[in-house]
Amino acid sequence: MIDTKDSVITEALAVIDKALAEMLKRELVSAVEVGDLLLDLRSLLSANVATTDA
């Protein structure tokens, strides 16, 4: 169970790092892009909770 949590956290951090690298290249980031990033992170984290609770 700990390995699964660690891998989900690692994957979430990778998503954050990639998105931040892309966003830092620009002066303006749309609300849609930020929303997409948050939804991606929520999906990763909630999938882990669903498998842990099952």
C-alpha atoms as a PDB file:
ATOM      1  CA  MET A   1       0.000   0.000   0.000  1.00  0.00           C
ATOM      2  CA  ILE A   2       2.834   2.417   0.780  1.00  0.00           C
ATOM      3  CA  ASP A   3       4.459   1.715  -2.593  1.00  0.00           C
ATOM      4  CA  THR A   4       1.200   2.599  -4.352  1.00  0.00           C
ATOM      5  CA  LYS A   5       0.917   5.869  -2.458  1.00  0.00           C
ATOM      6  CA  ASP A   6       4.542   6.701  -3.196  1.00  0.00           C
ATOM      7  CA  SER A   7       4.105   6.009  -6.895  1.00  0.00           C
ATOM      8  CA  VAL A   8       0.958   8.149  -7.071  1.00  0.00           C
ATOM      9  CA  ILE A   9       2.716  10.992  -5.268  1.00  0.00           C
ATOM     10  CA  THR A  10       5.697  10.657  -7.600  1.00  0.00           C
ATOM     11  CA  GLU A  11       3.410  10.719 -10.634  1.00  0.00           C
ATOM     12  CA  ALA A  12       1.519  13.749  -9.288  1.00  0.00           C
ATOM     13  CA  LEU A  13       4.801  15.586  -8.713  1.00  0.00           C
ATOM     14  CA  ALA A  14       5.874  14.776 -12.261  1.00  0.00           C
ATOM     15  CA  VAL A  15       2.630  16.242 -13.606  1.00  0.00           C
ATOM     16  CA  ILE A  16       3.152  19.389 -11.524  1.00  0.00           C
ATOM     17  CA  ASP A  17       6.786  19.754 -12.600  1.00  0.00           C
ATOM     18  CA  LYS A  18       5.929  19.344 -16.283  1.00  0.00           C
ATOM     19  CA  ALA A  19       3.061  21.832 -16.130  1.00  0.00           C
ATOM     20  CA  LEU A  20       5.120  24.380 -14.204  1.00  0.00           C
ATOM     21  CA  ALA A  21       7.969  24.123 -16.696  1.00  0.00           C
ATOM     22  CA  GLU A  22       5.550  24.817 -19.552  1.00  0.00           C
ATOM     23  CA  MET A  23       3.779  27.638 -17.731  1.00  0.00           C
ATOM     24  CA  LEU A  24       6.979  29.424 -16.696  1.00  0.00           C
ATOM     25  CA  LYS A  25       7.898  29.902 -20.359  1.00  0.00           C
ATOM     26  CA  ARG A  26       4.899  32.168 -20.843  1.00  0.00           C
ATOM     27  CA  GLU A  27       3.667  35.360 -19.273  1.00  0.00           C
ATOM     28  CA  LEU A  28       0.009  34.412 -19.294  1.00  0.00           C
ATOM     29  CA  VAL A  29      -1.643  31.138 -18.333  1.00  0.00           C
ATOM     30  CA  SER A  30      -5.323  30.600 -18.979  1.00  0.00           C
ATOM     31  CA  ALA A  31      -7.754  29.522 -16.319  1.00  0.00           C
ATOM     32  CA  VAL A  32      -8.600  26.501 -18.477  1.00  0.00           C
ATOM     33  CA  GLU A  33      -4.987  25.290 -18.359  1.00  0.00           C
ATOM     34  CA  VAL A  34      -4.846  25.673 -14.582  1.00  0.00           C
ATOM     35  CA  GLY A  35      -8.171  23.869 -14.290  1.00  0.00           C
ATOM     36  CA  ASP A  36      -6.892  21.020 -16.477  1.00  0.00           C
ATOM     37  CA  LEU A  37      -3.816  20.667 -14.286  1.00  0.00           C
ATOM     38  CA  LEU A  38      -5.903  20.554 -11.115  1.00  0.00           C
ATOM     39  CA  LEU A  39      -8.278  17.993 -12.643  1.00  0.00           C
ATOM     40  CA  ASP A  40      -5.328  15.803 -13.673  1.00  0.00           C
ATOM     41  CA  LEU A  41      -3.948  15.903 -10.148  1.00  0.00           C
ATOM     42  CA  ARG A  42      -7.357  15.205  -8.636  1.00  0.00           C
ATOM     43  CA  SER A  43      -7.811  12.214 -10.930  1.00  0.00           C
ATOM     44  CA  LEU A  44      -4.450  10.762  -9.935  1.00  0.00           C
ATOM     45  CA  LEU A  45      -5.050  11.222  -6.240  1.00  0.00           C
ATOM     46  CA  SER A  46      -8.687  10.097  -6.187  1.00  0.00           C
ATOM     47  CA  ALA A  47      -7.843   6.941  -8.178  1.00  0.00           C
ATOM     48  CA  ASN A  48      -5.378   6.034  -5.437  1.00  0.00           C
ATOM     49  CA  VAL A  49      -7.981   6.640  -2.712  1.00  0.00           C
ATOM     50  CA  ALA A  50     -10.524   4.491  -4.580  1.00  0.00           C
ATOM     51  CA  THR A  51      -8.110   1.545  -4.870  1.00  0.00           C
ATOM     52  CA  THR A  52      -7.003   1.913  -1.257  1.00  0.00           C
ATOM     53  CA  ASP A  53     -10.586   1.912   0.053  1.00  0.00           C
ATOM     54  CA  ALA A  54     -11.652  -1.100  -2.036  1.00  0.00           C
END
